[in-house]
Structure formats: structure tokens, C-alpha cells
Amino acid sequence: MEIPLFSDQLPVTSDKSEVRQSRQSPIQNPHYCFPALDLYDRVQQFWQEILPLHQGKTVLVVSHGGTIRALISTATQIKAHHYHAIQQSNSGISILDFENTASSNAKITAINLTQHLGEVLPKLKNGKHGLRLLLLPVNLPVNSHNTQANDYTDKITQFLKNVDLNFCLSNHIHDAESIVESIIESHSNTPVHLQVSRQDFLDTWHQQISKRSLDYNALSTGLIVADTNTISHTLSQILGLKSTTSLNINPGEITVLFYPTSQNKPVLQAMNINGSF
């Protein structure tokens, strides 16, 4: 099935403020040449036609990045006005798992994996100024008897050793402090490490950031270590999902959120990076 690639056209205007507003509200803005609803209808039809033909199989879909975002959205009930909440890089790999091929409802297993392109983290597409959060979910306590937890701690420490971190933030769950300390020790420039007591700190922080515009011309990168449920809940808010059932967040794998200076809405750059490519 061929889908016309109208999905990422720019607004017919040279005003930067209108471009920014158009991307944040693509359906309501009258200047925007963005047939989002038509695109969503077409990719929904694609799922309905393709899924029954490939039960129990792995299907590779190669398409325009904008169409891939629409495919992810329609398969997980993400509304069209959250279209720009997901980044899809050229040749980035996103993975959906349809447990029931009779239905077009899927779980997101990974978004925008680019390690096979030689990138540790996906390149920034919404400007290089803003706040980038690396979310690391943990469920298992780290101790000398927990081989699985220790393995992914070592793996993620190695993966992030060349990423410039400005700060680390964690709460008092599942030896999060031990994980952060392991990562910090691998960096020559020691980032600031802050601990919080509130379980919902990530949701609260996201809500506060979303209410204001970032006003500094730099990139600040922070590592956030929290339990899987906390991270899943925050991502559900960002994508406009009613529940976390469409997100398969894996402990020990990195999810990247970027809050561009140019807008107050975050972009999900990647989900479940594990450094395996």
C-alpha cells in the first residue's frame, strides 16, 4: 500500500513564531499544509490490511519518517495533535509488537534506535538548545547477588561514558544511588548528583517545565534514574495516552526526552536504547 508523503510539510509562512505554533497545533492552525487526519486514516487502513496477512511474522516497513510516526501513533491510539511529540530519524528503527494481529492496537517496544548509524543518542532535530533528559528505569535492587541488575548497570555505565552529563537526579528506590555513582565514576567531569524524596518527582518536573519556556541558549543533559512505573506514566502524559499499557519500558534501557528552547512541549527522541547495535 502506497501512502502519499504529505506528513511533514512546513507551514506556508516565513514567520518563525507561526512555524513554531503550527508545529505545536498542526490541526488547528490555518496556515499549516498538514493533512494529518487524512494521513492517519490512510495508515490506519494500512494496519487493517497488512496485519491479518502476517500473523506471527516480523514485518519491515520502510517509509518516510513522518509516515512512520503516524504508523506508531495509529497503532497505539496517540492522537494526531501529538504527532510532533515523537522523533523519527532517517534510518532510525522503531519497533511495535502486535500481540493480537486481529487488532491494530500495539505496544511500543522501541522508538528511533540509531546506534547502528554510529550514534550513541539520536541527533537533535528541534535545535541544539534546551534540556535533554536521559530516563533510566530501574526495578531490581543492585547488590552482589543480583546478576541481572549488576549486568545492566555495567552496560549502561559503559554506554554513557562518553555522553556529557550536566546533572543526575534519582530518588531512594532500588539502589538508584549505586547506579548513578557507577555512571558518575566513569566521567572525567563529575556531574551534579541530586536526590529527591518524592516518588512523583518526574511528573511534577515535567508539568513545571511544560508551563514555561526555556530561556537559555545551551544544551543541558541530565540523567534521571527512577522506577519503571514513574517513567511510563510521564511518557503517557507526553504522548496523550490514557494508560501505560501501550508502552513497554525496559529496565536498564535509556529513553530520551528533549525540551527544545524553541517550544515548551517535549519530544520523545528515543525509547529503550540498550547499546546493543
C-alpha atoms as a PDB file:
ATOM      1  CA  MET A   1       0.000   0.000   0.000  1.00  0.00           C
ATOM      2  CA  GLU A   2       1.465   3.352  -1.011  1.00  0.00           C
ATOM      3  CA  ILE A   3       0.909   6.284   1.344  1.00  0.00           C
ATOM      4  CA  PRO A   4       1.376   9.829  -0.085  1.00  0.00           C
ATOM      5  CA  LEU A   5       4.145  11.572   1.858  1.00  0.00           C
ATOM      6  CA  PHE A   6       2.456  14.812   2.882  1.00  0.00           C
ATOM      7  CA  SER A   7       3.143  14.222   6.544  1.00  0.00           C
ATOM      8  CA  ASP A   8       5.895  16.703   7.311  1.00  0.00           C
ATOM      9  CA  GLN A   9       5.304  19.718   5.093  1.00  0.00           C
ATOM     10  CA  LEU A  10       6.206  23.098   6.507  1.00  0.00           C
ATOM     11  CA  PRO A  11       3.708  25.918   7.038  1.00  0.00           C
ATOM     12  CA  VAL A  12       3.181  28.382   4.209  1.00  0.00           C
ATOM     13  CA  THR A  13       4.700  31.299   6.136  1.00  0.00           C
ATOM     14  CA  SER A  14       8.118  32.797   6.808  1.00  0.00           C
ATOM     15  CA  ASP A  15       7.251  33.901  10.356  1.00  0.00           C
ATOM     16  CA  LYS A  16       9.230  31.737  12.818  1.00  0.00           C
ATOM     17  CA  SER A  17       6.655  32.198  15.575  1.00  0.00           C
ATOM     18  CA  GLU A  18       3.917  30.938  13.244  1.00  0.00           C
ATOM     19  CA  VAL A  19       6.057  27.960  12.247  1.00  0.00           C
ATOM     20  CA  ARG A  20       6.557  27.084  15.913  1.00  0.00           C
ATOM     21  CA  GLN A  21       2.840  27.482  16.696  1.00  0.00           C
ATOM     22  CA  SER A  22       1.909  25.430  13.623  1.00  0.00           C
ATOM     23  CA  ARG A  23       4.079  22.532  14.736  1.00  0.00           C
ATOM     24  CA  GLN A  24       2.599  22.642  18.229  1.00  0.00           C
ATOM     25  CA  SER A  25      -1.009  22.755  16.960  1.00  0.00           C
ATOM     26  CA  PRO A  26      -0.871  21.392  13.393  1.00  0.00           C
ATOM     27  CA  ILE A  27      -4.571  20.664  13.057  1.00  0.00           C
ATOM     28  CA  GLN A  28      -5.971  23.956  14.377  1.00  0.00           C
ATOM     29  CA  ASN A  29      -3.524  26.314  12.648  1.00  0.00           C
ATOM     30  CA  PRO A  30      -4.997  27.643   9.368  1.00  0.00           C
ATOM     31  CA  HIS A  31      -1.582  28.232   7.740  1.00  0.00           C
ATOM     32  CA  TYR A  32      -0.467  24.645   8.063  1.00  0.00           C
ATOM     33  CA  CYS A  33      -0.404  22.432   4.960  1.00  0.00           C
ATOM     34  CA  PHE A  34      -0.505  19.256   7.041  1.00  0.00           C
ATOM     35  CA  PRO A  35      -3.281  16.762   6.203  1.00  0.00           C
ATOM     36  CA  ALA A  36      -2.690  14.883   9.460  1.00  0.00           C
ATOM     37  CA  LEU A  37      -6.150  13.398   9.690  1.00  0.00           C
ATOM     38  CA  ASP A  38      -6.002  12.120   6.110  1.00  0.00           C
ATOM     39  CA  LEU A  39      -2.570  10.591   6.761  1.00  0.00           C
ATOM     40  CA  TYR A  40      -3.819   8.922   9.931  1.00  0.00           C
ATOM     41  CA  ASP A  41      -6.806   7.478   8.075  1.00  0.00           C
ATOM     42  CA  ARG A  42      -4.522   6.035   5.403  1.00  0.00           C
ATOM     43  CA  VAL A  43      -2.062   4.407   7.792  1.00  0.00           C
ATOM     44  CA  GLN A  44      -4.946   3.017   9.847  1.00  0.00           C
ATOM     45  CA  GLN A  45      -6.182   1.372   6.660  1.00  0.00           C
ATOM     46  CA  PHE A  46      -2.651   0.049   6.097  1.00  0.00           C
ATOM     47  CA  TRP A  47      -2.677  -1.687   9.501  1.00  0.00           C
ATOM     48  CA  GLN A  48      -6.107  -3.164   8.877  1.00  0.00           C
ATOM     49  CA  GLU A  49      -4.975  -4.636   5.566  1.00  0.00           C
ATOM     50  CA  ILE A  50      -1.460  -5.792   6.470  1.00  0.00           C
ATOM     51  CA  LEU A  51      -1.855  -7.292   9.955  1.00  0.00           C
ATOM     52  CA  PRO A  52      -4.204 -10.203   9.121  1.00  0.00           C
ATOM     53  CA  LEU A  53      -1.831 -11.279   6.334  1.00  0.00           C
ATOM     54  CA  HIS A  54       1.234 -11.597   8.569  1.00  0.00           C
ATOM     55  CA  GLN A  55       0.167 -13.225  11.814  1.00  0.00           C
ATOM     56  CA  GLY A  56       3.132 -14.397  13.876  1.00  0.00           C
ATOM     57  CA  LYS A  57       5.628 -12.809  11.483  1.00  0.00           C
ATOM     58  CA  THR A  58       8.072  -9.911  11.581  1.00  0.00           C
ATOM     59  CA  VAL A  59       7.288  -7.196   9.032  1.00  0.00           C
ATOM     60  CA  LEU A  60       9.767  -4.498   7.964  1.00  0.00           C
ATOM     61  CA  VAL A  61       8.130  -1.210   6.963  1.00  0.00           C
ATOM     62  CA  VAL A  62      10.387   1.270   5.152  1.00  0.00           C
ATOM     63  CA  SER A  63       8.891   4.715   4.696  1.00  0.00           C
ATOM     64  CA  HIS A  64       9.215   8.452   5.255  1.00  0.00           C
ATOM     65  CA  GLY A  65       9.880   9.466   8.864  1.00  0.00           C
ATOM     66  CA  GLY A  66       6.597  11.341   9.078  1.00  0.00           C
ATOM     67  CA  THR A  67       4.647   8.310   7.922  1.00  0.00           C
ATOM     68  CA  ILE A  68       6.475   6.123  10.463  1.00  0.00           C
ATOM     69  CA  ARG A  69       5.378   8.495  13.225  1.00  0.00           C
ATOM     70  CA  ALA A  70       1.798   8.236  12.029  1.00  0.00           C
ATOM     71  CA  LEU A  71       2.056   4.434  11.914  1.00  0.00           C
ATOM     72  CA  ILE A  72       3.283   4.379  15.517  1.00  0.00           C
ATOM     73  CA  SER A  73       0.553   6.777  16.595  1.00  0.00           C
ATOM     74  CA  THR A  74      -2.366   4.989  14.984  1.00  0.00           C
ATOM     75  CA  ALA A  75      -1.189   1.627  16.304  1.00  0.00           C
ATOM     76  CA  THR A  76      -1.097   2.925  19.884  1.00  0.00           C
ATOM     77  CA  GLN A  77      -4.026   5.386  19.925  1.00  0.00           C
ATOM     78  CA  ILE A  78      -1.844   8.516  20.011  1.00  0.00           C
ATOM     79  CA  LYS A  79      -3.909  11.422  18.679  1.00  0.00           C
ATOM     80  CA  ALA A  80      -2.859  13.477  15.660  1.00  0.00           C
ATOM     81  CA  HIS A  81      -2.184  16.619  17.710  1.00  0.00           C
ATOM     82  CA  HIS A  82       0.668  14.721  19.418  1.00  0.00           C
ATOM     83  CA  TYR A  83       2.257  13.989  16.042  1.00  0.00           C
ATOM     84  CA  HIS A  84       5.367  16.079  16.747  1.00  0.00           C
ATOM     85  CA  ALA A  85       5.864  14.532  20.190  1.00  0.00           C
ATOM     86  CA  ILE A  86       7.854  11.686  18.595  1.00  0.00           C
ATOM     87  CA  GLN A  87      11.146  11.988  16.705  1.00  0.00           C
ATOM     88  CA  GLN A  88      11.897   9.600  13.867  1.00  0.00           C
ATOM     89  CA  SER A  89      15.379   9.972  12.394  1.00  0.00           C
ATOM     90  CA  ASN A  90      16.410   8.825   8.933  1.00  0.00           C
ATOM     91  CA  SER A  91      17.135   5.075   9.163  1.00  0.00           C
ATOM     92  CA  GLY A  92      16.141   5.050  12.837  1.00  0.00           C
ATOM     93  CA  ILE A  93      14.485   1.808  13.921  1.00  0.00           C
ATOM     94  CA  SER A  94      11.185   1.747  15.792  1.00  0.00           C
ATOM     95  CA  ILE A  95       9.562  -1.500  16.916  1.00  0.00           C
ATOM     96  CA  LEU A  96       5.893  -2.276  17.537  1.00  0.00           C
ATOM     97  CA  ASP A  97       4.572  -5.524  18.975  1.00  0.00           C
ATOM     98  CA  PHE A  98       1.062  -6.596  17.973  1.00  0.00           C
ATOM     99  CA  GLU A  99       0.021  -9.348  20.360  1.00  0.00           C
ATOM    100  CA  ASN A 100      -3.284  -9.743  18.536  1.00  0.00           C
ATOM    101  CA  THR A 101      -2.995  -9.216  14.795  1.00  0.00           C
ATOM    102  CA  ALA A 102      -6.774  -9.037  14.509  1.00  0.00           C
ATOM    103  CA  SER A 103      -6.497  -5.661  16.244  1.00  0.00           C
ATOM    104  CA  SER A 104      -4.407  -2.629  15.289  1.00  0.00           C
ATOM    105  CA  ASN A 105      -3.540  -1.935  18.946  1.00  0.00           C
ATOM    106  CA  ALA A 106       0.160  -2.417  19.643  1.00  0.00           C
ATOM    107  CA  LYS A 107       2.807  -2.000  22.311  1.00  0.00           C
ATOM    108  CA  ILE A 108       5.780   0.250  21.602  1.00  0.00           C
ATOM    109  CA  THR A 109       8.909  -1.824  22.159  1.00  0.00           C
ATOM    110  CA  ALA A 110      11.438   0.726  20.863  1.00  0.00           C
ATOM    111  CA  ILE A 111      11.491   4.144  19.226  1.00  0.00           C
ATOM    112  CA  ASN A 112      14.157   5.654  16.985  1.00  0.00           C
ATOM    113  CA  LEU A 113      17.134   3.407  17.671  1.00  0.00           C
ATOM    114  CA  THR A 114      20.146   4.876  15.842  1.00  0.00           C
ATOM    115  CA  GLN A 115      23.148   3.076  17.357  1.00  0.00           C
ATOM    116  CA  HIS A 116      23.657   1.151  14.101  1.00  0.00           C
ATOM    117  CA  LEU A 117      24.320   4.559  12.500  1.00  0.00           C
ATOM    118  CA  GLY A 118      27.228   5.169  14.856  1.00  0.00           C
ATOM    119  CA  GLU A 119      25.243   7.418  17.201  1.00  0.00           C
ATOM    120  CA  VAL A 120      25.107   6.985  20.961  1.00  0.00           C
ATOM    121  CA  LEU A 121      21.999   9.182  21.178  1.00  0.00           C
ATOM    122  CA  PRO A 122      19.816  10.387  18.282  1.00  0.00           C
ATOM    123  CA  LYS A 123      20.799  13.729  16.769  1.00  0.00           C
ATOM    124  CA  LEU A 124      18.767  16.727  17.887  1.00  0.00           C
ATOM    125  CA  LYS A 125      16.280  17.792  15.210  1.00  0.00           C
ATOM    126  CA  ASN A 126      14.487  20.600  17.076  1.00  0.00           C
ATOM    127  CA  GLY A 127      17.522  22.822  17.598  1.00  0.00           C
ATOM    128  CA  LYS A 128      20.542  22.178  19.793  1.00  0.00           C
ATOM    129  CA  HIS A 129      19.466  24.347  22.722  1.00  0.00           C
ATOM    130  CA  GLY A 130      17.287  23.078  25.532  1.00  0.00           C
ATOM    131  CA  LEU A 131      17.014  20.384  28.159  1.00  0.00           C
ATOM    132  CA  ARG A 132      17.668  16.737  27.307  1.00  0.00           C
ATOM    133  CA  LEU A 133      16.687  14.104  29.854  1.00  0.00           C
ATOM    134  CA  LEU A 134      18.017  10.553  29.736  1.00  0.00           C
ATOM    135  CA  LEU A 135      15.495   8.418  31.605  1.00  0.00           C
ATOM    136  CA  LEU A 136      16.850   5.211  33.122  1.00  0.00           C
ATOM    137  CA  PRO A 137      14.175   2.913  34.609  1.00  0.00           C
ATOM    138  CA  VAL A 138      15.159   0.506  37.367  1.00  0.00           C
ATOM    139  CA  ASN A 139      13.130  -2.229  39.020  1.00  0.00           C
ATOM    140  CA  LEU A 140      15.680  -4.584  40.515  1.00  0.00           C
ATOM    141  CA  PRO A 141      17.878  -3.858  43.537  1.00  0.00           C
ATOM    142  CA  VAL A 142      21.586  -3.738  42.772  1.00  0.00           C
ATOM    143  CA  ASN A 143      23.612  -5.986  45.054  1.00  0.00           C
ATOM    144  CA  SER A 144      26.244  -8.676  44.867  1.00  0.00           C
ATOM    145  CA  HIS A 145      23.610 -11.403  44.415  1.00  0.00           C
ATOM    146  CA  ASN A 146      21.584  -9.730  41.656  1.00  0.00           C
ATOM    147  CA  THR A 147      23.478 -10.586  38.484  1.00  0.00           C
ATOM    148  CA  GLN A 148      20.860  -9.164  36.098  1.00  0.00           C
ATOM    149  CA  ALA A 149      20.763  -5.735  37.739  1.00  0.00           C
ATOM    150  CA  ASN A 150      24.546  -5.543  38.012  1.00  0.00           C
ATOM    151  CA  ASP A 151      24.936  -6.522  34.365  1.00  0.00           C
ATOM    152  CA  TYR A 152      22.699  -3.749  33.091  1.00  0.00           C
ATOM    153  CA  THR A 153      24.354  -1.244  35.435  1.00  0.00           C
ATOM    154  CA  ASP A 154      27.759  -2.099  33.946  1.00  0.00           C
ATOM    155  CA  LYS A 155      26.309  -1.999  30.447  1.00  0.00           C
ATOM    156  CA  ILE A 156      24.644   1.396  30.800  1.00  0.00           C
ATOM    157  CA  THR A 157      27.739   2.840  32.514  1.00  0.00           C
ATOM    158  CA  GLN A 158      29.837   1.825  29.519  1.00  0.00           C
ATOM    159  CA  PHE A 159      27.214   3.134  27.110  1.00  0.00           C
ATOM    160  CA  LEU A 160      27.036   6.605  28.707  1.00  0.00           C
ATOM    161  CA  LYS A 161      30.716   7.119  29.494  1.00  0.00           C
ATOM    162  CA  ASN A 162      31.216   9.458  26.504  1.00  0.00           C
ATOM    163  CA  VAL A 163      27.946  11.368  26.964  1.00  0.00           C
ATOM    164  CA  ASP A 164      28.403  14.783  28.602  1.00  0.00           C
ATOM    165  CA  LEU A 165      26.146  14.822  31.669  1.00  0.00           C
ATOM    166  CA  ASN A 166      25.437  18.087  33.484  1.00  0.00           C
ATOM    167  CA  PHE A 167      23.479  16.545  36.329  1.00  0.00           C
ATOM    168  CA  CYS A 168      21.997  13.308  37.661  1.00  0.00           C
ATOM    169  CA  LEU A 169      18.728  13.023  39.542  1.00  0.00           C
ATOM    170  CA  SER A 170      17.412   9.997  41.424  1.00  0.00           C
ATOM    171  CA  ASN A 171      15.114   9.022  44.254  1.00  0.00           C
ATOM    172  CA  HIS A 172      15.557   6.473  47.006  1.00  0.00           C
ATOM    173  CA  ILE A 173      14.417   3.338  45.202  1.00  0.00           C
ATOM    174  CA  HIS A 174      16.143   0.104  44.288  1.00  0.00           C
ATOM    175  CA  ASP A 175      19.684   1.312  44.950  1.00  0.00           C
ATOM    176  CA  ALA A 176      19.349   4.105  42.385  1.00  0.00           C
ATOM    177  CA  GLU A 177      22.198   5.901  44.139  1.00  0.00           C
ATOM    178  CA  SER A 178      24.570   2.992  43.437  1.00  0.00           C
ATOM    179  CA  ILE A 179      23.648   3.055  39.756  1.00  0.00           C
ATOM    180  CA  VAL A 180      24.204   6.811  39.478  1.00  0.00           C
ATOM    181  CA  GLU A 181      27.526   6.616  41.316  1.00  0.00           C
ATOM    182  CA  SER A 182      28.737   3.919  38.924  1.00  0.00           C
ATOM    183  CA  ILE A 183      27.869   6.133  35.949  1.00  0.00           C
ATOM    184  CA  ILE A 184      29.405   9.262  37.512  1.00  0.00           C
ATOM    185  CA  GLU A 185      32.682   7.470  38.244  1.00  0.00           C
ATOM    186  CA  SER A 186      33.127   6.799  34.524  1.00  0.00           C
ATOM    187  CA  HIS A 187      33.052  10.546  33.708  1.00  0.00           C
ATOM    188  CA  SER A 188      36.086  12.812  33.929  1.00  0.00           C
ATOM    189  CA  ASN A 189      33.862  15.852  34.537  1.00  0.00           C
ATOM    190  CA  THR A 190      31.719  14.888  37.512  1.00  0.00           C
ATOM    191  CA  PRO A 191      28.069  15.917  37.033  1.00  0.00           C
ATOM    192  CA  VAL A 192      25.963  17.259  39.895  1.00  0.00           C
ATOM    193  CA  HIS A 193      24.044  14.468  41.658  1.00  0.00           C
ATOM    194  CA  LEU A 194      20.767  15.358  43.365  1.00  0.00           C
ATOM    195  CA  GLN A 195      18.443  13.049  45.271  1.00  0.00           C
ATOM    196  CA  VAL A 196      14.723  13.612  45.740  1.00  0.00           C
ATOM    197  CA  SER A 197      12.288  12.006  48.142  1.00  0.00           C
ATOM    198  CA  ARG A 198       9.047  12.391  46.170  1.00  0.00           C
ATOM    199  CA  GLN A 199       8.005   9.362  44.147  1.00  0.00           C
ATOM    200  CA  ASP A 200       6.241  11.536  41.551  1.00  0.00           C
ATOM    201  CA  PHE A 201       9.164  13.926  41.055  1.00  0.00           C
ATOM    202  CA  LEU A 202       9.434  13.259  37.314  1.00  0.00           C
ATOM    203  CA  ASP A 203       5.748  14.027  36.652  1.00  0.00           C
ATOM    204  CA  THR A 204       5.982  17.197  38.734  1.00  0.00           C
ATOM    205  CA  TRP A 205       9.113  18.353  36.940  1.00  0.00           C
ATOM    206  CA  HIS A 206       7.612  17.670  33.519  1.00  0.00           C
ATOM    207  CA  GLN A 207       4.498  19.687  34.378  1.00  0.00           C
ATOM    208  CA  GLN A 208       6.565  22.645  35.574  1.00  0.00           C
ATOM    209  CA  ILE A 209       8.851  22.635  32.528  1.00  0.00           C
ATOM    210  CA  SER A 210       5.868  22.411  30.170  1.00  0.00           C
ATOM    211  CA  LYS A 211       4.329  25.549  31.690  1.00  0.00           C
ATOM    212  CA  ARG A 212       7.282  27.777  30.883  1.00  0.00           C
ATOM    213  CA  SER A 213       9.696  28.397  28.021  1.00  0.00           C
ATOM    214  CA  LEU A 214      13.371  27.573  28.466  1.00  0.00           C
ATOM    215  CA  ASP A 215      15.331  30.792  28.047  1.00  0.00           C
ATOM    216  CA  TYR A 216      18.955  29.698  27.881  1.00  0.00           C
ATOM    217  CA  ASN A 217      20.999  29.179  24.725  1.00  0.00           C
ATOM    218  CA  ALA A 218      22.741  25.951  25.610  1.00  0.00           C
ATOM    219  CA  LEU A 219      22.156  22.216  25.813  1.00  0.00           C
ATOM    220  CA  SER A 220      21.862  20.735  29.280  1.00  0.00           C
ATOM    221  CA  THR A 221      21.778  16.940  29.592  1.00  0.00           C
ATOM    222  CA  GLY A 222      20.611  15.175  32.720  1.00  0.00           C
ATOM    223  CA  LEU A 223      20.313  11.536  33.756  1.00  0.00           C
ATOM    224  CA  ILE A 224      17.108  10.646  35.605  1.00  0.00           C
ATOM    225  CA  VAL A 225      17.015   7.320  37.459  1.00  0.00           C
ATOM    226  CA  ALA A 226      13.501   6.298  38.518  1.00  0.00           C
ATOM    227  CA  ASP A 227      11.276   3.248  38.708  1.00  0.00           C
ATOM    228  CA  THR A 228       9.653   1.945  35.541  1.00  0.00           C
ATOM    229  CA  ASN A 229       6.117   2.969  36.511  1.00  0.00           C
ATOM    230  CA  THR A 230       7.153   6.586  37.090  1.00  0.00           C
ATOM    231  CA  ILE A 231       8.803   6.846  33.682  1.00  0.00           C
ATOM    232  CA  SER A 232       5.909   5.069  31.931  1.00  0.00           C
ATOM    233  CA  HIS A 233       3.398   7.455  33.497  1.00  0.00           C
ATOM    234  CA  THR A 234       5.329  10.545  32.410  1.00  0.00           C
ATOM    235  CA  LEU A 235       5.683   9.270  28.839  1.00  0.00           C
ATOM    236  CA  SER A 236       1.957   8.523  28.734  1.00  0.00           C
ATOM    237  CA  GLN A 237       1.251  12.143  29.654  1.00  0.00           C
ATOM    238  CA  ILE A 238       3.575  13.435  26.956  1.00  0.00           C
ATOM    239  CA  LEU A 239       2.031  11.212  24.258  1.00  0.00           C
ATOM    240  CA  GLY A 240      -1.542  11.790  25.413  1.00  0.00           C
ATOM    241  CA  LEU A 241      -2.150   8.125  26.254  1.00  0.00           C
ATOM    242  CA  LYS A 242      -4.885   7.219  28.719  1.00  0.00           C
ATOM    243  CA  SER A 243      -2.821   4.407  30.243  1.00  0.00           C
ATOM    244  CA  THR A 244       0.688   2.950  30.170  1.00  0.00           C
ATOM    245  CA  THR A 245      -0.364  -0.326  28.529  1.00  0.00           C
ATOM    246  CA  SER A 246       0.939   0.756  25.099  1.00  0.00           C
ATOM    247  CA  LEU A 247       4.462   1.359  26.426  1.00  0.00           C
ATOM    248  CA  ASN A 248       6.869  -1.495  27.039  1.00  0.00           C
ATOM    249  CA  ILE A 249       9.538   0.279  29.109  1.00  0.00           C
ATOM    250  CA  ASN A 250      12.527  -1.961  29.790  1.00  0.00           C
ATOM    251  CA  PRO A 251      14.580  -1.598  32.989  1.00  0.00           C
ATOM    252  CA  GLY A 252      18.194  -0.705  32.287  1.00  0.00           C
ATOM    253  CA  GLU A 253      17.467   0.858  28.877  1.00  0.00           C
ATOM    254  CA  ILE A 254      17.584   4.579  28.118  1.00  0.00           C
ATOM    255  CA  THR A 255      14.655   6.727  26.986  1.00  0.00           C
ATOM    256  CA  VAL A 256      15.460  10.245  25.737  1.00  0.00           C
ATOM    257  CA  LEU A 257      13.236  13.306  26.216  1.00  0.00           C
ATOM    258  CA  PHE A 258      14.179  16.678  24.737  1.00  0.00           C
ATOM    259  CA  TYR A 259      12.646  20.007  25.755  1.00  0.00           C
ATOM    260  CA  PRO A 260      13.719  22.431  22.986  1.00  0.00           C
ATOM    261  CA  THR A 261      14.264  26.081  23.859  1.00  0.00           C
ATOM    262  CA  SER A 262      12.002  26.942  20.925  1.00  0.00           C
ATOM    263  CA  GLN A 263       8.931  25.250  22.415  1.00  0.00           C
ATOM    264  CA  ASN A 264       7.558  24.147  25.772  1.00  0.00           C
ATOM    265  CA  LYS A 265       6.423  20.727  24.607  1.00  0.00           C
ATOM    266  CA  PRO A 266       8.889  17.840  24.885  1.00  0.00           C
ATOM    267  CA  VAL A 267       9.914  15.486  22.092  1.00  0.00           C
ATOM    268  CA  LEU A 268      10.369  11.766  22.688  1.00  0.00           C
ATOM    269  CA  GLN A 269      13.655  11.280  20.848  1.00  0.00           C
ATOM    270  CA  ALA A 270      14.140   7.595  21.560  1.00  0.00           C
ATOM    271  CA  MET A 271      12.835   4.794  23.765  1.00  0.00           C
ATOM    272  CA  ASN A 272      14.577   1.678  25.078  1.00  0.00           C
ATOM    273  CA  ILE A 273      18.119   2.328  23.861  1.00  0.00           C
ATOM    274  CA  ASN A 274      20.244  -0.559  25.086  1.00  0.00           C
ATOM    275  CA  GLY A 275      23.502  -0.034  23.201  1.00  0.00           C
ATOM    276  CA  SER A 276      23.303  -3.438  21.524  1.00  0.00           C
ATOM    277  CA  PHE A 277      23.657  -2.292  17.916  1.00  0.00           C
END
